[in-house]
Every structure is written in C-alpha cells, then in structure tokens.
PDB file of N, CA and C in Angstrom:
ATOM      1  N   UNK A   1      41.201 -86.844  57.995  1.00  0.00           N
ATOM      2  CA  UNK A   1      41.358 -87.747  59.114  1.00  0.00           C
ATOM      3  C   UNK A   1      41.845 -89.117  58.643  1.00  0.00           C
ATOM      4  N   UNK A   2      41.037 -89.813  57.856  1.00  0.00           N
ATOM      5  CA  UNK A   2      41.447 -91.106  57.321  1.00  0.00           C
ATOM      6  C   UNK A   2      41.902 -90.904  55.887  1.00  0.00           C
ATOM      7  N   UNK A   3      42.771 -91.787  55.395  1.00  0.00           N
ATOM      8  CA  UNK A   3      43.266 -91.626  54.030  1.00  0.00           C
ATOM      9  C   UNK A   3      42.133 -91.732  53.010  1.00  0.00           C
ATOM     10  N   UNK A   4      42.255 -90.976  51.933  1.00  0.00           N
ATOM     11  CA  UNK A   4      41.253 -91.017  50.874  1.00  0.00           C
ATOM     12  C   UNK A   4      41.676 -92.026  49.827  1.00  0.00           C
ATOM     13  N   UNK A   5      40.710 -92.445  49.057  1.00  0.00           N
ATOM     14  CA  UNK A   5      40.972 -93.390  47.965  1.00  0.00           C
ATOM     15  C   UNK A   5      42.026 -92.799  47.024  1.00  0.00           C
ATOM     16  N   UNK A   6      43.007 -93.605  46.666  1.00  0.00           N
ATOM     17  CA  UNK A   6      44.032 -93.157  45.745  1.00  0.00           C
ATOM     18  C   UNK A   6      45.288 -92.643  46.413  1.00  0.00           C
ATOM     19  N   UNK A   7      45.225 -92.357  47.714  1.00  0.00           N
ATOM     20  CA  UNK A   7      46.409 -91.889  48.416  1.00  0.00           C
ATOM     21  C   UNK A   7      47.187 -93.097  48.939  1.00  0.00           C
ATOM     22  N   UNK A   8      48.514 -92.967  49.040  1.00  0.00           N
ATOM     23  CA  UNK A   8      49.293 -94.082  49.584  1.00  0.00           C
ATOM     24  C   UNK A   8      48.930 -94.333  51.050  1.00  0.00           C
ATOM     25  N   UNK A   9      48.968 -95.597  51.443  1.00  0.00           N
ATOM     26  CA  UNK A   9      48.594 -95.976  52.800  1.00  0.00           C
ATOM     27  C   UNK A   9      49.822 -96.406  53.584  1.00  0.00           C
ATOM     28  N   UNK A  10      49.923 -95.955  54.809  1.00  0.00           N
ATOM     29  CA  UNK A  10      50.976 -96.382  55.709  1.00  0.00           C
ATOM     30  C   UNK A  10      50.313 -96.696  57.047  1.00  0.00           C
ATOM     31  N   UNK A  11      49.830 -97.924  57.175  1.00  0.00           N
ATOM     32  CA  UNK A  11      49.068 -98.305  58.359  1.00  0.00           C
ATOM     33  C   UNK A  11      50.011 -98.929  59.380  1.00  0.00           C
ATOM     34  N   UNK A  12      50.442 -98.123  60.336  1.00  0.00           N
ATOM     35  CA  UNK A  12      51.337 -98.637  61.364  1.00  0.00           C
ATOM     36  C   UNK A  12      50.617 -98.842  62.684  1.00  0.00           C
ATOM     37  N   UNK A  13      49.355 -98.448  62.765  1.00  0.00           N
ATOM     38  CA  UNK A  13      48.618 -98.659  64.008  1.00  0.00           C
ATOM     39  C   UNK A  13      47.459 -99.615  63.765  1.00  0.00           C
ATOM     40  N   UNK A  14      47.075-100.376  64.775  1.00  0.00           N
ATOM     41  CA  UNK A  14      45.951-101.314  64.621  1.00  0.00           C
ATOM     42  C   UNK A  14      44.654-100.613  64.226  1.00  0.00           C
ATOM     43  N   UNK A  15      44.438 -99.409  64.741  1.00  0.00           N
ATOM     44  CA  UNK A  15      43.208 -98.671  64.442  1.00  0.00           C
ATOM     45  C   UNK A  15      43.084 -98.379  62.947  1.00  0.00           C
ATOM     46  N   UNK A  16      44.154 -97.860  62.357  1.00  0.00           N
ATOM     47  CA  UNK A  16      44.140 -97.534  60.928  1.00  0.00           C
ATOM     48  C   UNK A  16      44.026 -98.796  60.081  1.00  0.00           C
ATOM     49  N   UNK A  17      44.753 -99.835  60.454  1.00  0.00           N
ATOM     50  CA  UNK A  17      44.720-101.078  59.680  1.00  0.00           C
ATOM     51  C   UNK A  17      43.334-101.709  59.732  1.00  0.00           C
ATOM     52  N   UNK A  18      42.694-101.717  60.894  1.00  0.00           N
ATOM     53  CA  UNK A  18      41.347-102.283  61.023  1.00  0.00           C
ATOM     54  C   UNK A  18      40.356-101.483  60.185  1.00  0.00           C
ATOM     55  N   UNK A  19      40.492-100.167  60.200  1.00  0.00           N
ATOM     56  CA  UNK A  19      39.610 -99.319  59.397  1.00  0.00           C
ATOM     57  C   UNK A  19      39.768 -99.649  57.913  1.00  0.00           C
ATOM     58  N   UNK A  20      41.012 -99.751  57.462  1.00  0.00           N
ATOM     59  CA  UNK A  20      41.266-100.048  56.053  1.00  0.00           C
ATOM     60  C   UNK A  20      40.707-101.412  55.670  1.00  0.00           C
ATOM     61  N   UNK A  21      40.947-102.431  56.509  1.00  0.00           N
ATOM     62  CA  UNK A  21      40.459-103.769  56.189  1.00  0.00           C
ATOM     63  C   UNK A  21      38.942-103.799  56.068  1.00  0.00           C
ATOM     64  N   UNK A  22      38.249-103.163  56.976  1.00  0.00           N
ATOM     65  CA  UNK A  22      36.784-103.155  56.909  1.00  0.00           C
ATOM     66  C   UNK A  22      36.291-102.511  55.621  1.00  0.00           C
ATOM     67  N   UNK A  23      36.908-101.412  55.237  1.00  0.00           N
ATOM     68  CA  UNK A  23      36.532-100.760  53.973  1.00  0.00           C
ATOM     69  C   UNK A  23      36.874-101.660  52.785  1.00  0.00           C
ATOM     70  N   UNK A  24      38.038-102.295  52.834  1.00  0.00           N
ATOM     71  CA  UNK A  24      38.461-103.158  51.733  1.00  0.00           C
ATOM     72  C   UNK A  24      37.545-104.370  51.619  1.00  0.00           C
ATOM     73  N   UNK A  25      37.184-104.978  52.757  1.00  0.00           N
ATOM     74  CA  UNK A  25      36.257-106.115  52.740  1.00  0.00           C
ATOM     75  C   UNK A  25      34.962-105.751  52.027  1.00  0.00           C
ATOM     76  N   UNK A  26      34.397-104.594  52.368  1.00  0.00           N
ATOM     77  CA  UNK A  26      33.124-104.172  51.783  1.00  0.00           C
ATOM     78  C   UNK A  26      33.250-104.020  50.268  1.00  0.00           C
ATOM     79  N   UNK A  27      34.339-103.391  49.817  1.00  0.00           N
ATOM     80  CA  UNK A  27      34.533-103.230  48.368  1.00  0.00           C
ATOM     81  C   UNK A  27      34.791-104.568  47.694  1.00  0.00           C
ATOM     82  N   UNK A  28      35.596-105.411  48.331  1.00  0.00           N
ATOM     83  CA  UNK A  28      35.970-106.688  47.723  1.00  0.00           C
ATOM     84  C   UNK A  28      34.787-107.642  47.609  1.00  0.00           C
ATOM     85  N   UNK A  29      33.856-107.589  48.531  1.00  0.00           N
ATOM     86  CA  UNK A  29      32.714-108.501  48.483  1.00  0.00           C
ATOM     87  C   UNK A  29      31.741-108.139  47.357  1.00  0.00           C
ATOM     88  N   UNK A  30      31.879-106.971  46.769  1.00  0.00           N
ATOM     89  CA  UNK A  30      31.049-106.606  45.612  1.00  0.00           C
ATOM     90  C   UNK A  30      31.542-107.279  44.338  1.00  0.00           C
ATOM     91  N   UNK A  31      32.709-107.895  44.414  1.00  0.00           N
ATOM     92  CA  UNK A  31      33.280-108.596  43.274  1.00  0.00           C
ATOM     93  C   UNK A  31      32.375-109.766  42.910  1.00  0.00           C
ATOM     94  N   UNK A  32      32.292-110.078  41.650  1.00  0.00           N
ATOM     95  CA  UNK A  32      31.417-111.159  41.197  1.00  0.00           C
ATOM     96  C   UNK A  32      32.097-112.515  41.164  1.00  0.00           C
ATOM     97  N   UNK A  33      33.388-112.556  41.432  1.00  0.00           N
ATOM     98  CA  UNK A  33      34.130-113.820  41.382  1.00  0.00           C
ATOM     99  C   UNK A  33      34.031-114.545  42.720  1.00  0.00           C
ATOM    100  N   UNK A  34      33.465-115.738  42.692  1.00  0.00           N
ATOM    101  CA  UNK A  34      33.292-116.509  43.932  1.00  0.00           C
ATOM    102  C   UNK A  34      34.616-116.845  44.623  1.00  0.00           C
ATOM    103  N   UNK A  35      35.682-117.224  43.880  1.00  0.00           N
ATOM    104  CA  UNK A  35      36.956-117.497  44.574  1.00  0.00           C
ATOM    105  C   UNK A  35      37.483-116.269  45.324  1.00  0.00           C
ATOM    106  N   UNK A  36      37.259-115.095  44.756  1.00  0.00           N
ATOM    107  CA  UNK A  36      37.707-113.872  45.420  1.00  0.00           C
ATOM    108  C   UNK A  36      36.918-113.646  46.701  1.00  0.00           C
ATOM    109  N   UNK A  37      35.615-113.879  46.637  1.00  0.00           N
ATOM    110  CA  UNK A  37      34.778-113.740  47.827  1.00  0.00           C
ATOM    111  C   UNK A  37      35.191-114.744  48.900  1.00  0.00           C
ATOM    112  N   UNK A  38      35.561-115.942  48.466  1.00  0.00           N
ATOM    113  CA  UNK A  38      36.030-116.962  49.416  1.00  0.00           C
ATOM    114  C   UNK A  38      37.310-116.484  50.106  1.00  0.00           C
ATOM    115  N   UNK A  39      38.204-115.872  49.341  1.00  0.00           N
ATOM    116  CA  UNK A  39      39.441-115.320  49.894  1.00  0.00           C
ATOM    117  C   UNK A  39      39.141-114.253  50.942  1.00  0.00           C
ATOM    118  N   UNK A  40      38.188-113.374  50.638  1.00  0.00           N
ATOM    119  CA  UNK A  40      37.811-112.316  51.576  1.00  0.00           C
ATOM    120  C   UNK A  40      37.253-112.921  52.866  1.00  0.00           C
ATOM    121  N   UNK A  41      36.421-113.952  52.735  1.00  0.00           N
ATOM    122  CA  UNK A  41      35.873-114.614  53.936  1.00  0.00           C
ATOM    123  C   UNK A  41      36.983-115.262  54.765  1.00  0.00           C
ATOM    124  N   UNK A  42      37.994-115.804  54.090  1.00  0.00           N
ATOM    125  CA  UNK A  42      39.133-116.393  54.797  1.00  0.00           C
ATOM    126  C   UNK A  42      39.888-115.319  55.570  1.00  0.00           C
ATOM    127  N   UNK A  43      40.108-114.185  54.935  1.00  0.00           N
ATOM    128  CA  UNK A  43      40.784-113.081  55.626  1.00  0.00           C
ATOM    129  C   UNK A  43      39.976-112.615  56.829  1.00  0.00           C
ATOM    130  N   UNK A  44      38.671-112.511  56.660  1.00  0.00           N
ATOM    131  CA  UNK A  44      37.822-112.098  57.782  1.00  0.00           C
ATOM    132  C   UNK A  44      37.920-113.084  58.936  1.00  0.00           C
ATOM    133  N   UNK A  45      37.952-114.367  58.607  1.00  0.00           N
ATOM    134  CA  UNK A  45      38.029-115.392  59.649  1.00  0.00           C
ATOM    135  C   UNK A  45      39.346-115.306  60.418  1.00  0.00           C
ATOM    136  N   UNK A  46      40.394-114.817  59.770  1.00  0.00           N
ATOM    137  CA  UNK A  46      41.714-114.728  60.395  1.00  0.00           C
ATOM    138  C   UNK A  46      42.109-113.290  60.719  1.00  0.00           C
ATOM    139  N   UNK A  47      41.137-112.403  60.759  1.00  0.00           N
ATOM    140  CA  UNK A  47      41.440-110.982  60.958  1.00  0.00           C
ATOM    141  C   UNK A  47      42.183-110.725  62.269  1.00  0.00           C
ATOM    142  N   UNK A  48      41.807-111.424  63.319  1.00  0.00           N
ATOM    143  CA  UNK A  48      42.482-111.216  64.610  1.00  0.00           C
ATOM    144  C   UNK A  48      43.971-111.530  64.498  1.00  0.00           C
ATOM    145  N   UNK A  49      44.296-112.596  63.786  1.00  0.00           N
ATOM    146  CA  UNK A  49      45.706-112.948  63.598  1.00  0.00           C
ATOM    147  C   UNK A  49      46.419-111.915  62.728  1.00  0.00           C
ATOM    148  N   UNK A  50      45.740-111.417  61.702  1.00  0.00           N
ATOM    149  CA  UNK A  50      46.335-110.371  60.862  1.00  0.00           C
ATOM    150  C   UNK A  50      46.620-109.112  61.667  1.00  0.00           C
ATOM    151  N   UNK A  51      45.715-108.780  62.551  1.00  0.00           N
ATOM    152  CA  UNK A  51      45.871-107.562  63.340  1.00  0.00           C
ATOM    153  C   UNK A  51      46.993-107.696  64.373  1.00  0.00           C
ATOM    154  N   UNK A  52      47.360-108.912  64.730  1.00  0.00           N
ATOM    155  CA  UNK A  52      48.463-109.105  65.678  1.00  0.00           C
ATOM    156  C   UNK A  52      49.754-108.489  65.164  1.00  0.00           C
ATOM    157  N   UNK A  53      49.926-108.459  63.858  1.00  0.00           N
ATOM    158  CA  UNK A  53      51.116-107.848  63.267  1.00  0.00           C
ATOM    159  C   UNK A  53      51.206-106.376  63.669  1.00  0.00           C
ATOM    160  N   UNK A  54      50.083-105.687  63.607  1.00  0.00           N
ATOM    161  CA  UNK A  54      50.067-104.266  63.949  1.00  0.00           C
ATOM    162  C   UNK A  54      50.110-104.060  65.458  1.00  0.00           C
ATOM    163  N   UNK A  55      49.488-104.959  66.204  1.00  0.00           N
ATOM    164  CA  UNK A  55      49.486-104.837  67.664  1.00  0.00           C
ATOM    165  C   UNK A  55      50.879-105.060  68.243  1.00  0.00           C
ATOM    166  N   UNK A  56      51.645-105.926  67.608  1.00  0.00           N
ATOM    167  CA  UNK A  56      52.998-106.208  68.084  1.00  0.00           C
ATOM    168  C   UNK A  56      53.941-105.045  67.805  1.00  0.00           C
ATOM    169  N   UNK A  57      53.504-104.127  66.975  1.00  0.00           N
ATOM    170  CA  UNK A  57      54.335-102.955  66.686  1.00  0.00           C
ATOM    171  C   UNK A  57      55.607-103.293  65.936  1.00  0.00           C
ATOM    172  N   UNK A  58      55.572-104.331  65.131  1.00  0.00           N
ATOM    173  CA  UNK A  58      56.723-104.760  64.335  1.00  0.00           C
ATOM    174  C   UNK A  58      57.933-105.070  65.216  1.00  0.00           C
ATOM    175  N   UNK A  59      57.661-105.612  66.406  1.00  0.00           N
ATOM    176  CA  UNK A  59      58.747-105.935  67.330  1.00  0.00           C
ATOM    177  C   UNK A  59      59.523-107.178  66.906  1.00  0.00           C
ATOM    178  N   UNK A  60      58.882-108.036  66.146  1.00  0.00           N
ATOM    179  CA  UNK A  60      59.507-109.297  65.767  1.00  0.00           C
ATOM    180  C   UNK A  60      59.791-109.303  64.284  1.00  0.00           C
ATOM    181  N   UNK A  61      60.970-109.765  63.941  1.00  0.00           N
ATOM    182  CA  UNK A  61      61.292-109.856  62.516  1.00  0.00           C
ATOM    183  C   UNK A  61      60.789-111.202  61.995  1.00  0.00           C
ATOM    184  N   UNK A  62      60.668-111.308  60.708  1.00  0.00           N
ATOM    185  CA  UNK A  62      60.218-112.566  60.111  1.00  0.00           C
ATOM    186  C   UNK A  62      61.321-113.618  60.196  1.00  0.00           C
ATOM    187  N   UNK A  63      62.522-113.215  60.564  1.00  0.00           N
ATOM    188  CA  UNK A  63      63.619-114.172  60.711  1.00  0.00           C
ATOM    189  C   UNK A  63      63.329-115.211  61.776  1.00  0.00           C
ATOM    190  N   UNK A  64      62.626-114.810  62.830  1.00  0.00           N
ATOM    191  CA  UNK A  64      62.266-115.751  63.890  1.00  0.00           C
ATOM    192  C   UNK A  64      61.364-116.840  63.329  1.00  0.00           C
ATOM    193  N   UNK A  65      60.370-116.432  62.558  1.00  0.00           N
ATOM    194  CA  UNK A  65      59.431-117.384  61.975  1.00  0.00           C
ATOM    195  C   UNK A  65      60.138-118.273  60.958  1.00  0.00           C
ATOM    196  N   UNK A  66      60.992-117.673  60.145  1.00  0.00           N
ATOM    197  CA  UNK A  66      61.727-118.453  59.148  1.00  0.00           C
ATOM    198  C   UNK A  66      62.630-119.485  59.817  1.00  0.00           C
ATOM    199  N   UNK A  67      63.276-119.097  60.910  1.00  0.00           N
ATOM    200  CA  UNK A  67      64.130-120.042  61.633  1.00  0.00           C
ATOM    201  C   UNK A  67      63.331-121.195  62.217  1.00  0.00           C
ATOM    202  N   UNK A  68      62.166-120.886  62.765  1.00  0.00           N
ATOM    203  CA  UNK A  68      61.294-121.921  63.312  1.00  0.00           C
ATOM    204  C   UNK A  68      60.828-122.859  62.212  1.00  0.00           C
ATOM    205  N   UNK A  69      60.420-122.314  61.073  1.00  0.00           N
ATOM    206  CA  UNK A  69      59.991-123.154  59.952  1.00  0.00           C
ATOM    207  C   UNK A  69      61.125-124.044  59.469  1.00  0.00           C
ATOM    208  N   UNK A  70      62.340-123.529  59.473  1.00  0.00           N
ATOM    209  CA  UNK A  70      63.496-124.325  59.041  1.00  0.00           C
ATOM    210  C   UNK A  70      63.730-125.491  59.991  1.00  0.00           C
ATOM    211  N   UNK A  71      63.640-125.235  61.312  1.00  0.00           N
ATOM    212  CA  UNK A  71      63.812-126.318  62.283  1.00  0.00           C
ATOM    213  C   UNK A  71      62.741-127.385  62.115  1.00  0.00           C
ATOM    214  N   UNK A  72      61.508-126.956  61.880  1.00  0.00           N
ATOM    215  CA  UNK A  72      60.417-127.913  61.679  1.00  0.00           C
ATOM    216  C   UNK A  72      60.659-128.736  60.430  1.00  0.00           C
ATOM    217  N   UNK A  73      61.080-128.084  59.345  1.00  0.00           N
ATOM    218  CA  UNK A  73      61.346-128.784  58.097  1.00  0.00           C
ATOM    219  C   UNK A  73      62.448-129.826  58.272  1.00  0.00           C
ATOM    220  N   UNK A  74      63.518-129.457  58.964  1.00  0.00           N
ATOM    221  CA  UNK A  74      64.613-130.407  59.185  1.00  0.00           C
ATOM    222  C   UNK A  74      64.170-131.575  60.056  1.00  0.00           C
ATOM    223  N   UNK A  75      63.326-131.312  61.042  1.00  0.00           N
ATOM    224  CA  UNK A  75      62.818-132.391  61.896  1.00  0.00           C
ATOM    225  C   UNK A  75      61.966-133.362  61.093  1.00  0.00           C
ATOM    226  N   UNK A  76      61.153-132.827  60.208  1.00  0.00           N
ATOM    227  CA  UNK A  76      60.304-133.687  59.381  1.00  0.00           C
ATOM    228  C   UNK A  76      61.154-134.530  58.444  1.00  0.00           C
ATOM    229  N   UNK A  77      62.206-133.958  57.897  1.00  0.00           N
ATOM    230  CA  UNK A  77      63.094-134.740  57.019  1.00  0.00           C
ATOM    231  C   UNK A  77      63.801-135.856  57.787  1.00  0.00           C
ATOM    232  N   UNK A  78      64.239-135.541  59.014  1.00  0.00           N
ATOM    233  CA  UNK A  78      64.889-136.570  59.830  1.00  0.00           C
ATOM    234  C   UNK A  78      63.915-137.664  60.214  1.00  0.00           C
ATOM    235  N   UNK A  79      62.639-137.320  60.292  1.00  0.00           N
ATOM    236  CA  UNK A  79      61.621-138.270  60.729  1.00  0.00           C
ATOM    237  C   UNK A  79      61.147-139.178  59.602  1.00  0.00           C
ATOM    238  N   UNK A  80      61.739-139.057  58.430  1.00  0.00           N
ATOM    239  CA  UNK A  80      61.328-139.900  57.312  1.00  0.00           C
ATOM    240  C   UNK A  80      61.427-141.371  57.716  1.00  0.00           C
ATOM    241  N   UNK A  81      60.357-142.093  57.550  1.00  0.00           N
ATOM    242  CA  UNK A  81      60.344-143.509  57.896  1.00  0.00           C
ATOM    243  C   UNK A  81      59.716-143.792  59.250  1.00  0.00           C
ATOM    244  N   UNK A  82      59.395-142.757  60.016  1.00  0.00           N
ATOM    245  CA  UNK A  82      58.689-142.997  61.278  1.00  0.00           C
ATOM    246  C   UNK A  82      57.356-143.663  60.959  1.00  0.00           C
ATOM    247  N   UNK A  83      56.927-144.507  61.849  1.00  0.00           N
ATOM    248  CA  UNK A  83      55.716-145.272  61.573  1.00  0.00           C
ATOM    249  C   UNK A  83      54.437-144.603  62.034  1.00  0.00           C
ATOM    250  N   UNK A  84      54.545-143.517  62.769  1.00  0.00           N
ATOM    251  CA  UNK A  84      53.326-142.848  63.213  1.00  0.00           C
ATOM    252  C   UNK A  84      53.570-141.346  63.339  1.00  0.00           C
ATOM    253  N   UNK A  85      52.483-140.618  63.280  1.00  0.00           N
ATOM    254  CA  UNK A  85      52.562-139.172  63.455  1.00  0.00           C
ATOM    255  C   UNK A  85      53.017-138.834  64.868  1.00  0.00           C
ATOM    256  N   UNK A  86      52.647-139.670  65.829  1.00  0.00           N
ATOM    257  CA  UNK A  86      53.019-139.421  67.228  1.00  0.00           C
ATOM    258  C   UNK A  86      54.538-139.359  67.392  1.00  0.00           C
ATOM    259  N   UNK A  87      55.265-140.231  66.707  1.00  0.00           N
ATOM    260  CA  UNK A  87      56.730-140.207  66.784  1.00  0.00           C
ATOM    261  C   UNK A  87      57.297-138.921  66.178  1.00  0.00           C
ATOM    262  N   UNK A  88      56.697-138.471  65.078  1.00  0.00           N
ATOM    263  CA  UNK A  88      57.117-137.212  64.475  1.00  0.00           C
ATOM    264  C   UNK A  88      56.851-136.058  65.435  1.00  0.00           C
ATOM    265  N   UNK A  89      55.696-136.082  66.075  1.00  0.00           N
ATOM    266  CA  UNK A  89      55.336-135.037  67.021  1.00  0.00           C
ATOM    267  C   UNK A  89      56.324-134.986  68.187  1.00  0.00           C
ATOM    268  N   UNK A  90      56.697-136.118  68.713  1.00  0.00           N
ATOM    269  CA  UNK A  90      57.668-136.188  69.803  1.00  0.00           C
ATOM    270  C   UNK A  90      59.012-135.638  69.339  1.00  0.00           C
ATOM    271  N   UNK A  91      59.396-135.997  68.117  1.00  0.00           N
ATOM    272  CA  UNK A  91      60.650-135.492  67.562  1.00  0.00           C
ATOM    273  C   UNK A  91      60.633-133.969  67.462  1.00  0.00           C
ATOM    274  N   UNK A  92      59.499-133.420  67.034  1.00  0.00           N
ATOM    275  CA  UNK A  92      59.375-131.963  66.939  1.00  0.00           C
ATOM    276  C   UNK A  92      59.483-131.315  68.314  1.00  0.00           C
ATOM    277  N   UNK A  93      58.838-131.912  69.321  1.00  0.00           N
ATOM    278  CA  UNK A  93      58.922-131.361  70.674  1.00  0.00           C
ATOM    279  C   UNK A  93      60.369-131.341  71.163  1.00  0.00           C
ATOM    280  N   UNK A  94      61.100-132.400  70.882  1.00  0.00           N
ATOM    281  CA  UNK A  94      62.494-132.462  71.320  1.00  0.00           C
ATOM    282  C   UNK A  94      63.356-131.444  70.578  1.00  0.00           C
ATOM    283  N   UNK A  95      63.133-131.308  69.292  1.00  0.00           N
ATOM    284  CA  UNK A  95      63.933-130.373  68.511  1.00  0.00           C
ATOM    285  C   UNK A  95      63.615-128.932  68.855  1.00  0.00           C
ATOM    286  N   UNK A  96      62.345-128.587  68.890  1.00  0.00           N
ATOM    287  CA  UNK A  96      61.953-127.200  69.098  1.00  0.00           C
ATOM    288  C   UNK A  96      62.076-126.769  70.549  1.00  0.00           C
ATOM    289  N   UNK A  97      61.861-127.721  71.458  1.00  0.00           N
ATOM    290  CA  UNK A  97      61.959-127.393  72.870  1.00  0.00           C
ATOM    291  C   UNK A  97      63.326-127.676  73.441  1.00  0.00           C
ATOM    292  N   UNK A  98      64.230-128.179  72.590  1.00  0.00           N
ATOM    293  CA  UNK A  98      65.578-128.534  72.998  1.00  0.00           C
ATOM    294  C   UNK A  98      65.544-129.434  74.236  1.00  0.00           C
ATOM    295  N   UNK A  99      64.621-130.414  74.198  1.00  0.00           N
ATOM    296  CA  UNK A  99      64.519-131.378  75.284  1.00  0.00           C
ATOM    297  C   UNK A  99      65.604-132.423  75.130  1.00  0.00           C
ATOM    298  N   UNK A 100      66.062-133.008  76.224  1.00  0.00           N
ATOM    299  CA  UNK A 100      67.114-134.022  76.109  1.00  0.00           C
ATOM    300  C   UNK A 100      66.585-135.280  75.423  1.00  0.00           C
ATOM    301  N   UNK A 101      67.435-135.905  74.646  1.00  0.00           N
ATOM    302  CA  UNK A 101      67.077-137.138  73.964  1.00  0.00           C
ATOM    303  C   UNK A 101      67.948-138.262  74.503  1.00  0.00           C
ATOM    304  N   UNK A 102      67.368-139.442  74.547  1.00  0.00           N
ATOM    305  CA  UNK A 102      68.148-140.609  74.956  1.00  0.00           C
ATOM    306  C   UNK A 102      69.110-140.969  73.834  1.00  0.00           C
ATOM    307  N   UNK A 103      70.266-141.533  74.225  1.00  0.00           N
ATOM    308  CA  UNK A 103      71.206-141.949  73.199  1.00  0.00           C
ATOM    309  C   UNK A 103      70.647-143.115  72.381  1.00  0.00           C
ATOM    310  N   UNK A 104      70.085-144.109  73.088  1.00  0.00           N
ATOM    311  CA  UNK A 104      69.487-145.257  72.420  1.00  0.00           C
ATOM    312  C   UNK A 104      68.127-145.512  73.042  1.00  0.00           C
ATOM    313  N   UNK A 105      67.192-145.916  72.235  1.00  0.00           N
ATOM    314  CA  UNK A 105      65.881-146.261  72.775  1.00  0.00           C
ATOM    315  C   UNK A 105      65.855-147.704  73.254  1.00  0.00           C
ATOM    316  N   UNK A 106      66.759-148.525  72.730  1.00  0.00           N
ATOM    317  CA  UNK A 106      66.845-149.945  73.127  1.00  0.00           C
ATOM    318  C   UNK A 106      68.295-150.273  73.443  1.00  0.00           C
ATOM    319  N   UNK A 107      68.457-151.247  74.278  1.00  0.00           N
ATOM    320  CA  UNK A 107      69.818-151.706  74.571  1.00  0.00           C
ATOM    321  C   UNK A 107      70.151-152.876  73.648  1.00  0.00           C
ATOM    322  N   UNK A 108      71.285-152.767  73.017  1.00  0.00           N
ATOM    323  CA  UNK A 108      71.729-153.832  72.123  1.00  0.00           C
ATOM    324  C   UNK A 108      72.989-154.445  72.712  1.00  0.00           C
ATOM    325  N   UNK A 109      72.939-155.744  72.932  1.00  0.00           N
ATOM    326  CA  UNK A 109      74.085-156.467  73.482  1.00  0.00           C
ATOM    327  C   UNK A 109      74.601-157.468  72.517  1.00  0.00           C
TER     328      UNK A 109
END
C-alpha cells in the first residue's frame, strides 16, 4: 500500500506526501543534533505551505515565482536612497500591481 523503506518515492498526491512527511519527522527527531531538530520543527510549522505544492497539482511553474522575485528585486534596487520603508512599500505596490504612477511628485517652475 505505502512505499517501503529503501524504495524510490514519487509523491504526487497530498495524501502520500503527508504520510511520508509524518514518518520522516518521527525518524528525524530521533537525531541527536539540535540544529537538525530545529530544522524539523521549522518544517512542521510550515507544513501547510509545503503541502500546497501537492494540492496545487503542479499547476504552477516556478517561473512565476522567479519572475515575481525579479520584479521585487528590481524595485528594491530602484528604491535605493528612499528615506522610509513606507516609500519602498508603495513602490512595490505600484510595480507589482502595475498601478499608475505620477510623472512628478512636485511641480518645479
């Protein structure tokens, strides 16, 4: 029914992936290294997000995420010298949401 230890795993459904993670967590927590145990606790805390990958059925490619990260990175670089985080945040909203921007914030005569 479920894969045995030593066999290759191909977890394409949330049910199988959740089963594997629970078994892996139990084995990993027997490790004596505290940093490793901390890593396992971090994975457990984010398990719902990890399972979203399987629930989505691989409908989304990582290219979407990479493109979004690239836009954010470019916005942060353009924001160099902003005096507050709020201005950076507004810049990100305009870039990512493709909101209209004013040509000038002040009138110069």
